[in-house]
Protein backbone atom coordinates (compact mmCIF):
# COMPACT_ATOMS: atom_id res chain seq x y z
CA MET A 1 0.04 0.09 0.05
CA THR A 2 1.42 3.37 -1.02
CA ILE A 3 0.11 6.67 0.43
CA SER A 4 -0.35 9.97 -1.50
CA ARG A 5 1.84 12.72 0.68
CA TRP A 6 0.66 15.64 -2.13
CA PRO A 7 -1.59 17.33 0.18
CA LEU A 8 0.99 17.36 3.07
CA CYS A 9 3.68 18.34 0.61
CA VAL A 10 1.44 21.41 -0.46
CA ALA A 11 0.70 22.24 3.46
CA ALA A 12 4.38 22.31 4.19
CA CYS A 13 4.95 24.79 1.17
CA CYS A 14 2.57 26.37 2.13
CA CYS A 15 3.36 26.92 5.76
CA LEU A 16 7.28 27.88 4.75
CA LEU A 17 6.45 30.63 2.41
CA LEU A 18 4.08 31.65 5.40
CA ALA A 19 6.70 32.14 7.24
CA ARG A 20 9.19 33.55 5.42
CA ALA A 21 6.86 36.68 4.40
CA ALA A 22 6.26 36.98 8.00
CA ALA A 23 9.98 37.12 8.73
CA GLN A 24 10.54 39.77 5.88
CA ASP A 25 7.65 41.64 6.80
CA ALA A 26 9.07 42.19 10.60
CA THR A 27 12.91 43.09 8.70
CA ASP A 28 10.85 45.39 7.33
CA LEU A 29 9.07 46.84 10.05
CA GLY A 30 11.85 47.24 11.66
CA GLN A 31 13.35 49.44 9.73
CA VAL A 32 10.01 51.48 9.40
CA VAL A 33 9.39 51.73 13.14
CA GLN A 34 11.36 54.80 14.79
CA ALA A 35 10.31 54.42 18.16
CA LYS A 36 12.81 53.64 20.59
CA ALA A 37 11.10 51.15 22.73
CA ALA A 38 7.52 49.18 21.30
CA LEU A 39 5.51 45.97 22.17
CA LEU A 40 2.57 44.74 20.13
CA VAL A 41 0.96 41.59 21.44
CA ASP A 42 -2.25 39.69 20.31
CA ALA A 43 -4.70 39.89 23.23
CA ASP A 44 -6.36 36.91 23.08
CA THR A 45 -3.23 34.53 23.66
CA GLY A 46 -0.47 37.19 25.04
CA ARG A 47 1.37 36.17 21.90
CA THR A 48 4.42 38.88 21.61
CA LEU A 49 4.11 39.86 17.83
CA PHE A 50 6.94 42.90 18.20
CA ALA A 51 9.29 44.09 20.23
CA ARG A 52 11.87 46.47 20.98
CA SER A 53 13.50 47.46 24.46
CA ILE A 54 10.69 46.58 26.17
CA ASN A 55 12.40 46.53 29.26
CA ALA A 56 13.87 50.07 28.45
CA GLN A 57 13.16 52.53 31.48
CA LEU A 58 11.68 55.88 29.73
CA PRO A 59 8.95 58.46 30.48
CA PRO A 60 5.52 57.58 30.16
CA ALA A 61 4.53 61.28 29.46
CA SER A 62 -0.10 61.27 29.47
CA THR A 63 0.30 57.44 29.73
CA THR A 64 1.01 58.03 33.61
CA LYS A 65 -3.37 59.01 33.87
CA LEU A 66 -4.09 55.52 32.63
CA LEU A 67 -2.62 54.43 35.96
CA THR A 68 -4.46 57.83 37.85
CA ALA A 69 -7.85 56.74 36.27
CA LEU A 70 -7.30 53.32 37.41
CA VAL A 71 -6.75 54.46 41.06
CA ALA A 72 -9.52 56.91 41.12
CA TYR A 73 -12.22 54.19 39.88
CA GLU A 74 -10.62 51.97 42.02
CA LYS A 75 -11.51 54.54 45.22
CA THR A 76 -14.37 56.21 43.96
CA GLY A 77 -16.45 54.11 41.25
CA LEU A 78 -16.62 57.00 39.67
CA TYR A 79 -19.25 58.53 42.00
CA GLY A 80 -18.73 61.59 44.19
CA THR A 81 -18.12 65.31 43.69
CA VAL A 82 -15.04 66.91 44.19
CA LYS A 83 -14.36 70.50 45.50
CA VAL A 84 -11.22 71.71 43.75
CA SER A 85 -8.59 73.20 45.98
CA ALA A 86 -5.79 76.22 44.89
CA SER A 87 -3.44 73.54 44.60
CA ASP A 88 -5.11 71.57 41.88
CA THR A 89 -5.03 74.71 39.65
CA LYS A 90 -1.22 75.09 39.90
CA VAL A 91 0.10 73.26 36.79
CA GLU A 92 1.15 74.35 33.16
CA PRO A 93 -0.70 73.78 30.67
CA SER A 94 -3.57 73.34 32.66
CA HIS A 95 -6.21 72.56 30.01
CA ILE A 96 -9.46 73.00 31.81
CA PRO A 97 -8.88 75.03 33.61
CA LEU A 98 -10.30 74.49 37.05
CA VAL A 99 -11.21 77.16 39.34
CA PRO A 100 -10.37 76.96 43.07
CA GLY A 101 -13.52 76.18 44.62
CA GLU A 102 -15.91 74.92 42.86
CA LYS A 103 -17.36 71.64 42.62
CA VAL A 104 -16.88 68.97 39.60
CA THR A 105 -18.24 65.26 39.61
CA VAL A 106 -15.64 62.64 39.75
CA LEU A 107 -17.02 61.43 36.71
CA ALA A 108 -16.09 64.55 34.61
CA LEU A 109 -12.85 64.56 36.01
CA VAL A 110 -11.98 61.22 34.99
CA LYS A 111 -13.37 61.94 31.34
CA THR A 112 -11.55 64.50 30.82
CA LEU A 113 -8.54 63.11 32.48
CA LEU A 114 -8.68 60.22 29.65
CA ILE A 115 -9.98 62.06 26.91
CA GLY A 116 -8.83 65.69 26.90
CA SER A 117 -5.74 64.40 29.23
CA ASP A 118 -5.85 67.59 31.55
CA ASN A 119 -3.27 67.80 33.70
CA ASP A 120 -5.23 69.62 36.46
CA ALA A 121 -8.02 67.10 36.72
CA ALA A 122 -5.33 64.75 37.26
CA LEU A 123 -4.24 66.63 40.37
CA ALA A 124 -8.00 67.32 41.48
CA LEU A 125 -8.54 63.58 41.73
CA ALA A 126 -5.19 62.65 43.04
CA ARG A 127 -6.27 64.89 46.30
CA HIS A 128 -9.82 63.85 46.18
CA CYS A 129 -9.13 60.37 46.43
CA ALA A 130 -5.75 60.03 48.84
CA GLY A 131 -6.42 63.56 50.82
CA SER A 132 -3.13 64.68 49.32
CA LEU A 133 -1.18 64.19 46.78
CA THR A 134 1.91 62.69 48.18
CA ALA A 135 -0.54 60.06 49.45
CA PHE A 136 -1.97 59.14 46.29
CA MET A 137 1.53 58.70 44.38
CA GLN A 138 2.24 56.50 47.14
CA GLN A 139 -0.93 54.90 46.56
CA MET A 140 -0.47 54.73 42.64
CA ASN A 141 2.91 53.17 42.56
CA ALA A 142 1.64 50.50 45.18
CA ARG A 143 -0.65 49.53 42.85
CA ALA A 144 1.54 49.57 39.99
CA VAL A 145 4.00 46.96 41.90
CA GLU A 146 0.49 45.02 42.42
CA LEU A 147 0.16 44.47 38.61
CA GLY A 148 3.55 43.40 38.73
CA CYS A 149 5.40 46.37 37.23
CA THR A 150 9.11 46.43 38.05
CA GLY A 151 10.67 48.73 36.25
CA THR A 152 7.81 51.96 36.43
CA THR A 153 8.19 54.54 39.05
CA PHE A 154 5.67 57.66 39.07
CA LYS A 155 6.13 60.93 40.39
CA ASN A 156 2.90 62.55 39.72
CA PRO A 157 -0.16 61.37 38.44
CA ASN A 158 -0.24 63.67 34.99
CA GLY A 159 3.07 62.49 33.26
CA LEU A 160 4.60 66.02 33.23
CA PRO A 161 8.00 65.93 33.04
CA VAL A 162 10.10 65.26 36.54
CA ALA A 163 13.15 63.65 36.87
CA GLY A 164 12.92 59.74 37.60
CA GLN A 165 9.36 59.25 36.33
CA VAL A 166 9.68 56.01 34.15
CA THR A 167 8.13 53.27 32.58
CA THR A 168 8.59 50.23 30.42
CA CYS A 169 6.73 48.55 27.31
CA THR A 170 6.06 45.40 29.60
CA ASP A 171 4.96 47.71 32.41
CA LEU A 172 2.66 49.99 30.70
CA LEU A 173 1.36 47.08 29.00
CA LYS A 174 0.00 45.76 32.22
CA ILE A 175 -1.67 49.12 33.56
CA PHE A 176 -3.32 49.82 29.95
CA GLN A 177 -4.75 46.11 30.22
CA LYS A 178 -5.92 46.43 33.23
CA THR A 179 -7.50 49.71 32.92
CA ILE A 180 -9.42 48.80 29.56
CA SER A 181 -10.56 45.71 31.62
CA ILE A 182 -13.44 47.84 33.52
CA PRO A 183 -15.94 48.38 30.94
CA GLU A 184 -16.64 52.46 32.45
CA LEU A 185 -12.79 52.98 31.39
CA ARG A 186 -12.51 51.51 27.99
CA GLN A 187 -15.57 53.24 26.82
CA ILE A 188 -14.04 56.55 28.20
CA CYS A 189 -10.85 55.66 26.61
CA LYS A 190 -12.62 55.06 23.32
CA THR A 191 -14.64 58.37 23.16
CA PRO A 192 -14.35 60.95 20.72
CA THR A 193 -15.66 64.12 22.00
CA TYR A 194 -16.78 65.22 25.55
CA THR A 195 -18.60 68.05 26.24
CA LEU A 196 -17.52 69.68 29.73
CA THR A 197 -19.26 72.27 31.92
CA THR A 198 -17.10 73.59 34.30
CA ALA A 199 -17.12 77.04 36.22
CA THR A 200 -15.32 78.15 33.22
CA GLY A 201 -17.67 77.55 30.97
CA THR A 202 -18.98 75.07 28.86
CA GLN A 203 -16.55 73.36 26.32
CA VAL A 204 -15.76 70.14 24.12
CA VAL A 205 -13.18 68.02 24.98
CA LYS A 206 -11.70 66.25 22.05
CA ASN A 207 -9.82 62.72 22.38
CA HIS A 208 -5.78 63.08 21.36
CA ASN A 209 -6.22 59.96 19.45
CA LYS A 210 -5.64 60.66 15.82
CA LEU A 211 -6.01 57.30 14.62
CA LEU A 212 -9.27 57.33 16.46
CA GLY A 213 -12.40 57.21 13.51
CA VAL A 214 -9.93 57.40 11.27
CA TYR A 215 -7.54 53.46 11.63
CA PRO A 216 -10.52 50.80 11.15
CA GLY A 217 -10.81 49.20 14.15
CA MET A 218 -9.15 51.45 16.55
CA GLY A 219 -10.31 51.22 20.11
CA PRO A 220 -9.37 52.74 23.31
CA ALA A 221 -6.10 54.33 23.48
CA LYS A 222 -4.41 56.85 25.95
CA THR A 223 -1.72 58.97 24.19
CA GLY A 224 0.89 61.00 25.93
CA TRP A 225 3.69 63.55 24.32
CA THR A 226 6.56 65.99 26.15
CA ILE A 227 9.58 66.97 24.49
CA SER A 228 11.56 65.04 26.75
CA SER A 229 9.39 61.98 26.33
CA ARG A 230 8.14 62.41 22.78
CA HIS A 231 5.50 60.43 21.50
CA THR A 232 4.34 57.67 23.82
CA TYR A 233 1.13 56.03 23.20
CA ALA A 234 -0.75 52.86 24.81
CA ALA A 235 -3.96 51.54 22.02
CA ALA A 236 -6.09 48.70 21.48
CA ALA A 237 -7.50 47.88 18.02
CA SER A 238 -9.46 44.96 17.01
CA ARG A 239 -10.46 43.31 13.29
CA ASN A 240 -11.77 40.18 12.08
CA GLY A 241 -12.10 38.76 15.77
CA HIS A 242 -8.72 39.83 16.66
CA GLU A 243 -7.68 42.51 19.34
CA LEU A 244 -3.60 43.90 19.30
CA HIS A 245 -2.42 45.91 21.93
CA LEU A 246 0.18 48.50 21.72
CA ILE A 247 2.89 49.97 23.84
CA ILE A 248 4.97 52.81 21.77
CA LEU A 249 7.49 54.70 24.19
CA ASN A 250 10.21 57.62 22.66
CA SER A 251 8.90 57.93 19.83
CA PRO A 252 9.39 60.77 17.02
CA ASN A 253 5.81 60.11 15.79
CA LYS A 254 3.62 57.37 16.69
CA TRP A 255 0.87 57.58 14.02
CA VAL A 256 3.19 56.39 11.48
CA ASP A 257 4.72 54.14 13.88
CA ALA A 258 1.74 52.78 15.48
CA LYS A 259 0.05 52.35 12.04
CA ALA A 260 3.04 50.39 10.51
CA LEU A 261 2.54 48.11 13.67
CA PHE A 262 -0.85 47.57 13.69
CA ASP A 263 -0.86 46.90 10.24
CA TYR A 264 1.84 43.90 10.40
CA GLY A 265 0.02 42.74 13.47
CA PHE A 266 -3.27 42.21 11.79
CA ALA A 267 -1.37 40.64 8.65
CA GLN A 268 0.13 38.39 10.01
CA LEU A 269 -2.88 36.80 12.32
CA ASN A 270 -4.89 36.92 8.68
CA ARG A 271 -2.02 34.89 7.52
CA GLU A 272 -2.53 32.35 10.22
CA ASP A 273 -5.94 32.42 9.50
CA ALA A 274 -5.65 31.72 6.12
CA ARG A 275 -3.30 29.05 6.44
CA ARG A 276 -5.57 27.19 9.35
CA ALA A 277 -8.64 27.36 7.23
CA THR A 278 -6.34 25.69 4.60
CA SER A 279 -5.48 22.88 6.63
CA MET A 280 -8.93 22.29 7.57
CA ALA A 281 -10.11 21.92 4.07
CA GLN A 282 -7.76 19.89 2.85
CA PRO A 283 -8.98 16.81 1.41
CA PRO A 284 -8.13 13.25 3.14
CA GLU A 285 -4.79 11.37 2.38
CA ARG A 286 -5.72 9.43 -0.75
CA LYS A 287 -4.64 5.95 -0.36
CA THR A 288 -3.96 3.50 -3.50
CA ILE A 289 -3.78 -0.17 -3.43
CA GLN A 290 -1.76 -2.07 -5.28
CA ILE A 291 -3.10 -5.21 -6.59
CA PRO A 292 -0.47 -7.85 -7.68
């Protein structure tokens, strides 16, 4: 009896070609991505699709606000009202700005924190949740440790430049994933605009994520930028039943890097889906019986 191995040979050749294509794509991607550190993972499996200097300690900029929002949520459940103090307003740029003595809901402050990246909102939430900025920073850093962060230290709740405030792609991914695992915070992180009313009047707060509503499948994200940190980014995108999570630190242009990384990740997963579909569709082995 002889067994026809043609289907097996075809499948093996397809796998080899797909592997070579993926390797070539990864090489090209490494030349395109300019971020000093980046991490792309398949959210469903945790598999790393791209990694560069993922444990390098770099400034987080406003991606810091992910953990600020998480701690505020865990302390308040997004309920309650914050009475603004003068210390909350002593920050530049302030964005809102808040007025000492006015009352603003916790929910409004968390929304403007994550959507508009407002620095005074971070200070007001920190003081409200812990009684003082110092106490909140202790809680914030303790929470980072609980999440498994080993290379992260926060010195303020808004991410403005300060010596010693650093994170890593590995750590920021843990913070991002925990934050967007909470439905309320996930929804806020992908909200395009928010109408905020405070003592200074009514204003429309726009999401800083320029890929939201532009890049297909773009989901929740938090942006960051300062002169010293350059572009930082924590983002999720979904297509064809797959969700990818991306962390970028110290990039000259996070939008270019993010699109290249997401495109690569989805292309790789699509190839794997096609390979599985081809394998499942293969006909059974043909058996030839030789009769003397």
